[in-house]
PDB file of all heavy atoms in Angstrom:
ATOM      1  N   LEU A   1     -14.500   4.900   3.428  1.00  0.00           N
ATOM      2  CA  LEU A   1     -15.006   5.616   4.596  1.00  0.00           C
ATOM      3  C   LEU A   1     -15.173   4.616   5.728  1.00  0.00           C
ATOM      4  O   LEU A   1     -15.830   3.588   5.567  1.00  0.00           O
ATOM      5  CB  LEU A   1     -16.350   6.270   4.248  1.00  0.00           C
ATOM      6  CG  LEU A   1     -17.108   6.934   5.407  1.00  0.00           C
ATOM      7  CD1 LEU A   1     -16.306   8.105   5.960  1.00  0.00           C
ATOM      8  CD2 LEU A   1     -18.476   7.396   4.925  1.00  0.00           C
ATOM      9  N   VAL A   2     -14.596   4.918   6.867  1.00  0.00           N
ATOM     10  CA  VAL A   2     -14.638   3.998   8.004  1.00  0.00           C
ATOM     11  C   VAL A   2     -14.798   4.808   9.284  1.00  0.00           C
ATOM     12  O   VAL A   2     -14.331   5.950   9.355  1.00  0.00           O
ATOM     13  CB  VAL A   2     -13.369   3.127   8.037  1.00  0.00           C
ATOM     14  CG1 VAL A   2     -12.133   3.969   8.261  1.00  0.00           C
ATOM     15  CG2 VAL A   2     -13.475   2.032   9.086  1.00  0.00           C
ATOM     16  N   GLN A   3     -15.441   4.217  10.265  1.00  0.00           N
ATOM     17  CA  GLN A   3     -15.601   4.886  11.546  1.00  0.00           C
ATOM     18  C   GLN A   3     -14.319   4.829  12.357  1.00  0.00           C
ATOM     19  O   GLN A   3     -13.511   3.893  12.197  1.00  0.00           O
ATOM     20  CB  GLN A   3     -16.730   4.235  12.340  1.00  0.00           C
ATOM     21  CG  GLN A   3     -18.123   4.546  11.808  1.00  0.00           C
ATOM     22  CD  GLN A   3     -19.216   4.054  12.730  1.00  0.00           C
ATOM     23  OE1 GLN A   3     -19.036   3.062  13.448  1.00  0.00           O
ATOM     24  NE2 GLN A   3     -20.352   4.723  12.713  1.00  0.00           N
ATOM     25  N   ALA A   4     -14.144   5.804  13.205  1.00  0.00           N
ATOM     26  CA  ALA A   4     -12.993   5.811  14.099  1.00  0.00           C
ATOM     27  C   ALA A   4     -12.947   4.504  14.884  1.00  0.00           C
ATOM     28  O   ALA A   4     -13.982   4.006  15.339  1.00  0.00           O
ATOM     29  CB  ALA A   4     -13.057   6.997  15.041  1.00  0.00           C
ATOM     30  N   GLY A   5     -11.739   3.966  15.001  1.00  0.00           N
ATOM     31  CA  GLY A   5     -11.553   2.683  15.668  1.00  0.00           C
ATOM     32  C   GLY A   5     -11.568   1.499  14.733  1.00  0.00           C
ATOM     33  O   GLY A   5     -11.205   0.384  15.132  1.00  0.00           O
ATOM     34  N   GLY A   6     -11.992   1.715  13.510  1.00  0.00           N
ATOM     35  CA  GLY A   6     -12.059   0.642  12.533  1.00  0.00           C
ATOM     36  C   GLY A   6     -10.718   0.351  11.887  1.00  0.00           C
ATOM     37  O   GLY A   6      -9.686   0.922  12.258  1.00  0.00           O
ATOM     38  N   SER A   7     -10.763  -0.542  10.894  1.00  0.00           N
ATOM     39  CA  SER A   7      -9.539  -0.984  10.220  1.00  0.00           C
ATOM     40  C   SER A   7      -9.742  -0.979   8.709  1.00  0.00           C
ATOM     41  O   SER A   7     -10.872  -1.098   8.215  1.00  0.00           O
ATOM     42  CB  SER A   7      -9.172  -2.399  10.658  1.00  0.00           C
ATOM     43  OG  SER A   7      -8.900  -2.458  12.041  1.00  0.00           O
ATOM     44  N   LEU A   8      -8.641  -0.865   8.011  1.00  0.00           N
ATOM     45  CA  LEU A   8      -8.615  -0.982   6.558  1.00  0.00           C
ATOM     46  C   LEU A   8      -7.314  -1.654   6.162  1.00  0.00           C
ATOM     47  O   LEU A   8      -6.306  -1.543   6.879  1.00  0.00           O
ATOM     48  CB  LEU A   8      -8.674   0.394   5.876  1.00  0.00           C
ATOM     49  CG  LEU A   8      -9.997   1.126   5.768  1.00  0.00           C
ATOM     50  CD1 LEU A   8      -9.764   2.522   5.193  1.00  0.00           C
ATOM     51  CD2 LEU A   8     -10.990   0.357   4.915  1.00  0.00           C
ATOM     52  N   ARG A   9      -7.347  -2.321   5.029  1.00  0.00           N
ATOM     53  CA  ARG A   9      -6.102  -2.808   4.440  1.00  0.00           C
ATOM     54  C   ARG A   9      -5.985  -2.226   3.043  1.00  0.00           C
ATOM     55  O   ARG A   9      -6.818  -2.506   2.171  1.00  0.00           O
ATOM     56  CB  ARG A   9      -6.039  -4.334   4.379  1.00  0.00           C
ATOM     57  CG  ARG A   9      -4.646  -4.802   3.944  1.00  0.00           C
ATOM     58  CD  ARG A   9      -4.480  -6.304   3.973  1.00  0.00           C
ATOM     59  NE  ARG A   9      -5.035  -6.950   2.792  1.00  0.00           N
ATOM     60  CZ  ARG A   9      -4.634  -8.126   2.338  1.00  0.00           C
ATOM     61  NH1 ARG A   9      -3.670  -8.800   2.967  1.00  0.00           N
ATOM     62  NH2 ARG A   9      -5.213  -8.665   1.276  1.00  0.00           N
ATOM     63  N   LEU A  10      -4.956  -1.437   2.856  1.00  0.00           N
ATOM     64  CA  LEU A  10      -4.677  -0.866   1.554  1.00  0.00           C
ATOM     65  C   LEU A  10      -3.741  -1.790   0.795  1.00  0.00           C
ATOM     66  O   LEU A  10      -2.873  -2.440   1.386  1.00  0.00           O
ATOM     67  CB  LEU A  10      -4.021   0.508   1.698  1.00  0.00           C
ATOM     68  CG  LEU A  10      -4.742   1.516   2.591  1.00  0.00           C
ATOM     69  CD1 LEU A  10      -4.008   2.857   2.559  1.00  0.00           C
ATOM     70  CD2 LEU A  10      -6.185   1.679   2.196  1.00  0.00           C
ATOM     71  N   SER A  11      -3.930  -1.840  -0.516  1.00  0.00           N
ATOM     72  CA  SER A  11      -3.075  -2.645  -1.384  1.00  0.00           C
ATOM     73  C   SER A  11      -2.472  -1.755  -2.454  1.00  0.00           C
ATOM     74  O   SER A  11      -3.063  -0.752  -2.853  1.00  0.00           O
ATOM     75  CB  SER A  11      -3.871  -3.759  -2.057  1.00  0.00           C
ATOM     76  OG  SER A  11      -4.431  -4.637  -1.118  1.00  0.00           O
ATOM     77  N   CYS A  12      -1.310  -2.140  -2.897  1.00  0.00           N
ATOM     78  CA  CYS A  12      -0.634  -1.429  -3.985  1.00  0.00           C
ATOM     79  C   CYS A  12      -0.055  -2.487  -4.916  1.00  0.00           C
ATOM     80  O   CYS A  12       0.880  -3.202  -4.552  1.00  0.00           O
ATOM     81  CB  CYS A  12       0.460  -0.531  -3.443  1.00  0.00           C
ATOM     82  SG  CYS A  12       1.490   0.236  -4.706  1.00  0.00           S
ATOM     83  N   ALA A  13      -0.630  -2.584  -6.095  1.00  0.00           N
ATOM     84  CA  ALA A  13      -0.182  -3.553  -7.087  1.00  0.00           C
ATOM     85  C   ALA A  13       0.796  -2.896  -8.039  1.00  0.00           C
ATOM     86  O   ALA A  13       0.534  -1.802  -8.555  1.00  0.00           O
ATOM     87  CB  ALA A  13      -1.373  -4.097  -7.855  1.00  0.00           C
ATOM     88  N   ALA A  14       1.915  -3.557  -8.265  1.00  0.00           N
ATOM     89  CA  ALA A  14       2.983  -3.003  -9.099  1.00  0.00           C
ATOM     90  C   ALA A  14       3.160  -3.811 -10.364  1.00  0.00           C
ATOM     91  O   ALA A  14       3.021  -5.039 -10.359  1.00  0.00           O
ATOM     92  CB  ALA A  14       4.284  -2.971  -8.314  1.00  0.00           C
ATOM     93  N   SER A  15       3.491  -3.114 -11.431  1.00  0.00           N
ATOM     94  CA  SER A  15       3.821  -3.793 -12.681  1.00  0.00           C
ATOM     95  C   SER A  15       5.319  -4.039 -12.711  1.00  0.00           C
ATOM     96  O   SER A  15       6.082  -3.444 -11.958  1.00  0.00           O
ATOM     97  CB  SER A  15       3.425  -2.926 -13.869  1.00  0.00           C
ATOM     98  OG  SER A  15       4.191  -1.734 -13.876  1.00  0.00           O
ATOM     99  N   GLY A  16       5.751  -4.912 -13.589  1.00  0.00           N
ATOM    100  CA  GLY A  16       7.180  -5.108 -13.763  1.00  0.00           C
ATOM    101  C   GLY A  16       7.712  -6.357 -13.097  1.00  0.00           C
ATOM    102  O   GLY A  16       7.215  -6.798 -12.065  1.00  0.00           O
ATOM    103  N   ARG A  17       8.746  -6.921 -13.705  1.00  0.00           N
ATOM    104  CA  ARG A  17       9.300  -8.181 -13.236  1.00  0.00           C
ATOM    105  C   ARG A  17      10.243  -8.019 -12.068  1.00  0.00           C
ATOM    106  O   ARG A  17      10.590  -8.994 -11.421  1.00  0.00           O
ATOM    107  CB  ARG A  17      10.044  -8.868 -14.385  1.00  0.00           C
ATOM    108  CG  ARG A  17       9.168  -9.242 -15.565  1.00  0.00           C
ATOM    109  CD  ARG A  17      10.014  -9.800 -16.686  1.00  0.00           C
ATOM    110  NE  ARG A  17      10.945  -8.799 -17.187  1.00  0.00           N
ATOM    111  CZ  ARG A  17      11.902  -9.072 -18.045  1.00  0.00           C
ATOM    112  NH1 ARG A  17      12.088 -10.306 -18.472  1.00  0.00           N
ATOM    113  NH2 ARG A  17      12.696  -8.117 -18.480  1.00  0.00           N
ATOM    114  N   THR A  18      10.691  -6.793 -11.812  1.00  0.00           N
ATOM    115  CA  THR A  18      11.744  -6.597 -10.819  1.00  0.00           C
ATOM    116  C   THR A  18      11.213  -6.016  -9.519  1.00  0.00           C
ATOM    117  O   THR A  18      11.969  -5.493  -8.715  1.00  0.00           O
ATOM    118  CB  THR A  18      12.834  -5.670 -11.376  1.00  0.00           C
ATOM    119  OG1 THR A  18      12.235  -4.476 -11.860  1.00  0.00           O
ATOM    120  CG2 THR A  18      13.599  -6.362 -12.486  1.00  0.00           C
ATOM    121  N   PHE A  19       9.902  -6.149  -9.290  1.00  0.00           N
ATOM    122  CA  PHE A  19       9.302  -5.624  -8.070  1.00  0.00           C
ATOM    123  C   PHE A  19      10.020  -6.138  -6.840  1.00  0.00           C
ATOM    124  O   PHE A  19      10.229  -5.398  -5.887  1.00  0.00           O
ATOM    125  CB  PHE A  19       7.825  -6.022  -8.031  1.00  0.00           C
ATOM    126  CG  PHE A  19       7.139  -5.735  -6.723  1.00  0.00           C
ATOM    127  CD1 PHE A  19       6.673  -4.466  -6.452  1.00  0.00           C
ATOM    128  CD2 PHE A  19       6.953  -6.738  -5.776  1.00  0.00           C
ATOM    129  CE1 PHE A  19       6.033  -4.195  -5.250  1.00  0.00           C
ATOM    130  CE2 PHE A  19       6.317  -6.480  -4.582  1.00  0.00           C
ATOM    131  CZ  PHE A  19       5.850  -5.201  -4.311  1.00  0.00           C
ATOM    132  N   SER A  20      10.406  -7.396  -6.856  1.00  0.00           N
ATOM    133  CA  SER A  20      10.996  -8.015  -5.664  1.00  0.00           C
ATOM    134  C   SER A  20      12.374  -7.477  -5.322  1.00  0.00           C
ATOM    135  O   SER A  20      12.924  -7.830  -4.271  1.00  0.00           O
ATOM    136  CB  SER A  20      11.065  -9.528  -5.849  1.00  0.00           C
ATOM    137  OG  SER A  20      11.865  -9.842  -6.967  1.00  0.00           O
ATOM    138  N   SER A  21      12.934  -6.619  -6.165  1.00  0.00           N
ATOM    139  CA  SER A  21      14.248  -6.052  -5.866  1.00  0.00           C
ATOM    140  C   SER A  21      14.159  -4.614  -5.350  1.00  0.00           C
ATOM    141  O   SER A  21      15.192  -3.986  -5.089  1.00  0.00           O
ATOM    142  CB  SER A  21      15.139  -6.092  -7.106  1.00  0.00           C
ATOM    143  OG  SER A  21      14.606  -5.280  -8.131  1.00  0.00           O
ATOM    144  N   TYR A  22      12.943  -4.095  -5.191  1.00  0.00           N
ATOM    145  CA  TYR A  22      12.767  -2.689  -4.854  1.00  0.00           C
ATOM    146  C   TYR A  22      12.170  -2.487  -3.456  1.00  0.00           C
ATOM    147  O   TYR A  22      11.198  -3.158  -3.085  1.00  0.00           O
ATOM    148  CB  TYR A  22      11.824  -2.011  -5.842  1.00  0.00           C
ATOM    149  CG  TYR A  22      12.298  -1.996  -7.269  1.00  0.00           C
ATOM    150  CD1 TYR A  22      11.395  -2.057  -8.309  1.00  0.00           C
ATOM    151  CD2 TYR A  22      13.647  -1.914  -7.590  1.00  0.00           C
ATOM    152  CE1 TYR A  22      11.809  -2.028  -9.628  1.00  0.00           C
ATOM    153  CE2 TYR A  22      14.074  -1.894  -8.901  1.00  0.00           C
ATOM    154  CZ  TYR A  22      13.154  -1.945  -9.921  1.00  0.00           C
ATOM    155  OH  TYR A  22      13.576  -1.921 -11.221  1.00  0.00           O
ATOM    156  N   ASN A  23      12.709  -1.509  -2.742  1.00  0.00           N
ATOM    157  CA  ASN A  23      12.062  -1.064  -1.518  1.00  0.00           C
ATOM    158  C   ASN A  23      10.793  -0.286  -1.869  1.00  0.00           C
ATOM    159  O   ASN A  23      10.733   0.385  -2.905  1.00  0.00           O
ATOM    160  CB  ASN A  23      12.990  -0.159  -0.714  1.00  0.00           C
ATOM    161  CG  ASN A  23      14.222  -0.866  -0.204  1.00  0.00           C
ATOM    162  OD1 ASN A  23      14.293  -2.105  -0.209  1.00  0.00           O
ATOM    163  ND2 ASN A  23      15.201  -0.099   0.231  1.00  0.00           N
ATOM    164  N   MET A  24       9.806  -0.383  -0.989  1.00  0.00           N
ATOM    165  CA  MET A  24       8.523   0.270  -1.222  1.00  0.00           C
ATOM    166  C   MET A  24       8.146   1.142  -0.025  1.00  0.00           C
ATOM    167  O   MET A  24       8.557   0.849   1.116  1.00  0.00           O
ATOM    168  CB  MET A  24       7.420  -0.778  -1.422  1.00  0.00           C
ATOM    169  CG  MET A  24       7.638  -1.717  -2.575  1.00  0.00           C
ATOM    170  SD  MET A  24       7.496  -0.900  -4.177  1.00  0.00           S
ATOM    171  CE  MET A  24       5.769  -0.415  -4.158  1.00  0.00           C
ATOM    172  N   GLY A  25       7.366   2.166  -0.280  1.00  0.00           N
ATOM    173  CA  GLY A  25       6.934   3.037   0.803  1.00  0.00           C
ATOM    174  C   GLY A  25       5.477   3.442   0.660  1.00  0.00           C
ATOM    175  O   GLY A  25       4.893   3.342  -0.423  1.00  0.00           O
ATOM    176  N   TRP A  26       4.908   3.850   1.784  1.00  0.00           N
ATOM    177  CA  TRP A  26       3.576   4.456   1.813  1.00  0.00           C
ATOM    178  C   TRP A  26       3.707   5.870   2.394  1.00  0.00           C
ATOM    179  O   TRP A  26       4.420   6.074   3.396  1.00  0.00           O
ATOM    180  CB  TRP A  26       2.623   3.647   2.695  1.00  0.00           C
ATOM    181  CG  TRP A  26       2.105   2.389   2.100  1.00  0.00           C
ATOM    182  CD1 TRP A  26       2.592   1.121   2.267  1.00  0.00           C
ATOM    183  CD2 TRP A  26       0.966   2.265   1.230  1.00  0.00           C
ATOM    184  NE1 TRP A  26       1.838   0.229   1.570  1.00  0.00           N
ATOM    185  CE2 TRP A  26       0.827   0.901   0.926  1.00  0.00           C
ATOM    186  CE3 TRP A  26       0.053   3.158   0.688  1.00  0.00           C
ATOM    187  CZ2 TRP A  26      -0.187   0.404   0.093  1.00  0.00           C
ATOM    188  CZ3 TRP A  26      -0.949   2.673  -0.129  1.00  0.00           C
ATOM    189  CH2 TRP A  26      -1.059   1.310  -0.417  1.00  0.00           C
ATOM    190  N   PHE A  27       3.002   6.786   1.764  1.00  0.00           N
ATOM    191  CA  PHE A  27       2.914   8.163   2.224  1.00  0.00           C
ATOM    192  C   PHE A  27       1.442   8.546   2.281  1.00  0.00           C
ATOM    193  O   PHE A  27       0.595   7.843   1.737  1.00  0.00           O
ATOM    194  CB  PHE A  27       3.641   9.109   1.261  1.00  0.00           C
ATOM    195  CG  PHE A  27       5.136   8.989   1.292  1.00  0.00           C
ATOM    196  CD1 PHE A  27       5.779   7.891   0.740  1.00  0.00           C
ATOM    197  CD2 PHE A  27       5.916   9.983   1.863  1.00  0.00           C
ATOM    198  CE1 PHE A  27       7.170   7.773   0.775  1.00  0.00           C
ATOM    199  CE2 PHE A  27       7.298   9.890   1.893  1.00  0.00           C
ATOM    200  CZ  PHE A  27       7.921   8.777   1.339  1.00  0.00           C
ATOM    201  N   ARG A  28       1.147   9.663   2.908  1.00  0.00           N
ATOM    202  CA  ARG A  28      -0.226  10.162   2.916  1.00  0.00           C
ATOM    203  C   ARG A  28      -0.215  11.683   2.859  1.00  0.00           C
ATOM    204  O   ARG A  28       0.749  12.314   3.261  1.00  0.00           O
ATOM    205  CB  ARG A  28      -0.990   9.677   4.145  1.00  0.00           C
ATOM    206  CG  ARG A  28      -0.472  10.215   5.474  1.00  0.00           C
ATOM    207  CD  ARG A  28      -1.226   9.562   6.628  1.00  0.00           C
ATOM    208  NE  ARG A  28      -0.775  10.069   7.916  1.00  0.00           N
ATOM    209  CZ  ARG A  28      -1.210   9.609   9.087  1.00  0.00           C
ATOM    210  NH1 ARG A  28      -2.108   8.627   9.126  1.00  0.00           N
ATOM    211  NH2 ARG A  28      -0.745  10.127  10.210  1.00  0.00           N
ATOM    212  N   GLN A  29      -1.321  12.218   2.358  1.00  0.00           N
ATOM    213  CA  GLN A  29      -1.450  13.670   2.275  1.00  0.00           C
ATOM    214  C   GLN A  29      -2.869  14.062   2.661  1.00  0.00           C
ATOM    215  O   GLN A  29      -3.832  13.667   1.984  1.00  0.00           O
ATOM    216  CB  GLN A  29      -1.115  14.185   0.874  1.00  0.00           C
ATOM    217  CG  GLN A  29      -1.054  15.694   0.789  1.00  0.00           C
ATOM    218  CD  GLN A  29      -0.425  16.170  -0.500  1.00  0.00           C
ATOM    219  OE1 GLN A  29      -0.299  15.422  -1.477  1.00  0.00           O
ATOM    220  NE2 GLN A  29       0.004  17.423  -0.511  1.00  0.00           N
TER     221      GLN A  29
END
């Protein structure tokens, strides 16, 4: 929960050895 005008940094940790070969995306709903 953050006030309008504020900032956040989201993280997404992935399993697997081949992460560096994959494109990644963020979506929201």
